[in-house]
């Protein structure tokens, strides 16, 4: 695993730019998924109360 990180750091500029973009987008994707799942769970709970 450490070899992979070292290889990524030594990557050519174009590839490093792509990897950096992915790394920057990942937290937003994780948060978006968590918010979506929370919203679905909330909707299911409200639906359960109404039935």
Protein backbone atom coordinates (compact mmCIF):
# COMPACT_ATOMS: atom_id res chain seq x y z
CA UNK A 1 0.00 0.00 0.00
CA UNK A 2 2.82 2.40 0.81
CA UNK A 3 4.31 1.66 -2.60
CA UNK A 4 1.06 2.77 -4.22
CA UNK A 5 1.09 6.08 -2.34
CA UNK A 6 4.73 6.65 -3.27
CA UNK A 7 3.96 5.83 -6.90
CA UNK A 8 1.04 8.27 -6.88
CA UNK A 9 3.21 11.03 -5.50
CA UNK A 10 5.79 10.38 -8.21
CA UNK A 11 3.16 10.26 -10.99
CA UNK A 12 3.48 12.52 -14.06
CA UNK A 13 1.74 15.90 -13.81
CA UNK A 14 -1.35 14.87 -15.79
CA UNK A 15 -1.93 11.75 -13.74
CA UNK A 16 -1.19 13.56 -10.48
CA UNK A 17 -3.75 16.21 -11.44
CA UNK A 18 -6.37 13.50 -12.06
CA UNK A 19 -5.59 11.76 -8.77
CA UNK A 20 -5.76 15.08 -6.92
CA UNK A 21 -9.18 15.80 -8.48
CA UNK A 22 -10.49 12.41 -7.40
CA UNK A 23 -9.15 12.92 -3.88
CA UNK A 24 -10.85 16.32 -3.69
CA UNK A 25 -14.19 14.99 -4.97
CA UNK A 26 -14.31 11.94 -2.70
CA UNK A 27 -15.41 13.69 0.53
CA UNK A 28 -18.31 15.38 -1.28
CA UNK A 29 -19.42 12.04 -2.71
CA UNK A 30 -19.28 10.40 0.73
CA UNK A 31 -21.20 13.25 2.36
CA UNK A 32 -23.76 13.27 -0.45
CA UNK A 33 -24.35 9.55 -0.02
CA UNK A 34 -24.70 9.90 3.76
CA UNK A 35 -27.20 12.76 3.37
CA UNK A 36 -29.20 10.79 0.81
CA UNK A 37 -29.33 7.71 3.05
CA UNK A 38 -30.28 9.83 6.05
CA UNK A 39 -33.09 11.44 4.06
CA UNK A 40 -34.36 8.05 2.94
CA UNK A 41 -34.25 6.73 6.51
CA UNK A 42 -36.11 9.82 7.75
CA UNK A 43 -38.77 9.41 5.06
CA UNK A 44 -39.18 5.73 5.96
CA UNK A 45 -39.55 6.61 9.66
CA UNK A 46 -42.17 9.25 8.93
CA UNK A 47 -43.98 6.81 6.61
CA UNK A 48 -43.96 4.23 9.38
CA UNK A 49 -45.49 6.68 11.83
CA UNK A 50 -48.24 7.61 9.40
CA UNK A 51 -49.26 4.00 8.71
